[in-house]
Amino acid sequence: MNKKNLSERDICTRYVTPALSAAGWDVHTQVSEEAHLSEQHRILARGDELMALCDRLQIDLAAARAHLADTLVQAALEAA
C-alpha cells in the first residue's frame, strides 16, 4: 500500500490511533478527531441556525415581559 495515496484520516485510522492505543492512551477519552470539512460546514450552519433562534427567542421574551408588565399595571389600575 502506498501511504502517499492515503488521506490524513486514513493515516490516523491505520497508524496513529493504533500507535496511541498501544502506548497506553485511551483513544475514547483522550483522543478527539476533527470533523471532515463537509461536516464542519454542516456544524457551522446548524450553529448559525441556533444562534438565529436564540436571537428570536430573546426578542419574543422581551415582548412577552413587556406585555406582562402592561397587563399587570392595567389589572392593578382596574383593581384600585
Protein backbone atom coordinates (compact mmCIF):
# COMPACT_ATOMS: atom_id res chain seq x y z
CA MET A 1 0.00 0.00 0.00
CA ASN A 2 1.30 3.41 -0.97
CA LYS A 3 0.95 5.75 2.01
CA LYS A 4 1.05 8.75 -0.33
CA ASN A 5 -2.37 7.76 -1.65
CA LEU A 6 -3.93 7.75 1.84
CA SER A 7 -5.88 10.67 3.21
CA GLU A 8 -4.96 12.24 6.53
CA ARG A 9 -7.97 10.50 8.09
CA ASP A 10 -6.83 7.12 6.67
CA ILE A 11 -3.34 7.61 8.10
CA CYS A 12 -4.75 8.46 11.52
CA THR A 13 -7.07 5.46 11.45
CA ARG A 14 -4.45 2.97 10.24
CA TYR A 15 -1.33 4.19 12.01
CA VAL A 16 -1.72 6.98 14.57
CA THR A 17 -4.71 5.72 16.55
CA PRO A 18 -3.36 2.16 16.91
CA ALA A 19 0.03 3.56 17.97
CA LEU A 20 -1.61 5.76 20.62
CA SER A 21 -3.63 2.81 21.86
CA ALA A 22 -0.53 0.61 22.01
CA ALA A 23 1.22 3.35 24.00
CA GLY A 24 -1.48 3.13 26.66
CA TRP A 25 -3.73 6.00 25.63
CA ASP A 26 -7.46 5.57 25.98
CA VAL A 27 -8.49 6.62 22.49
CA HIS A 28 -12.13 7.02 23.54
CA THR A 29 -11.44 9.60 26.26
CA GLN A 30 -8.00 11.05 25.48
CA VAL A 31 -8.17 11.47 21.71
CA SER A 32 -10.60 13.59 19.74
CA GLU A 33 -10.89 13.70 15.99
CA GLU A 34 -11.59 16.72 13.86
CA ALA A 35 -14.70 16.63 11.75
CA HIS A 36 -14.35 16.43 7.96
CA LEU A 37 -14.61 19.75 6.14
CA SER A 38 -18.11 18.96 4.88
CA GLU A 39 -19.14 18.05 8.41
CA GLN A 40 -17.61 21.28 9.71
CA HIS A 41 -19.74 23.27 7.26
CA ARG A 42 -22.85 21.42 8.43
CA ILE A 43 -21.97 22.06 12.08
CA LEU A 44 -21.36 25.77 11.43
CA ALA A 45 -24.63 26.10 9.52
CA ARG A 46 -26.50 24.44 12.39
CA GLY A 47 -24.74 26.76 14.85
CA ASP A 48 -25.85 29.76 12.80
CA GLU A 49 -29.44 28.44 12.83
CA LEU A 50 -29.33 28.01 16.59
CA MET A 51 -27.91 31.50 17.13
CA ALA A 52 -30.69 32.97 14.98
CA LEU A 53 -33.21 31.01 17.06
CA CYS A 54 -31.66 32.42 20.25
CA ASP A 55 -31.96 35.95 18.85
CA ARG A 56 -35.65 35.39 18.01
CA LEU A 57 -36.30 33.91 21.46
CA GLN A 58 -34.67 36.92 23.15
CA ILE A 59 -36.91 39.27 21.16
CA ASP A 60 -40.00 37.18 21.95
CA LEU A 61 -39.08 37.07 25.64
CA ALA A 62 -38.65 40.85 25.79
CA ALA A 63 -42.03 41.31 24.10
CA ALA A 64 -43.68 38.85 26.49
CA ARG A 65 -42.19 40.62 29.51
CA ALA A 66 -43.41 43.99 28.25
CA HIS A 67 -46.88 42.57 27.62
CA LEU A 68 -46.95 41.00 31.10
CA ALA A 69 -45.87 44.28 32.72
CA ASP A 70 -48.59 46.17 30.83
CA THR A 71 -51.19 43.58 31.83
CA LEU A 72 -50.17 43.72 35.48
CA VAL A 73 -50.28 47.52 35.56
CA GLN A 74 -53.70 47.52 33.87
CA ALA A 75 -55.02 44.92 36.34
CA ALA A 76 -53.69 46.94 39.28
CA LEU A 77 -55.32 50.11 37.95
CA GLU A 78 -58.64 48.35 37.47
CA ALA A 79 -58.49 46.86 40.99
CA ALA A 80 -57.83 50.23 42.58
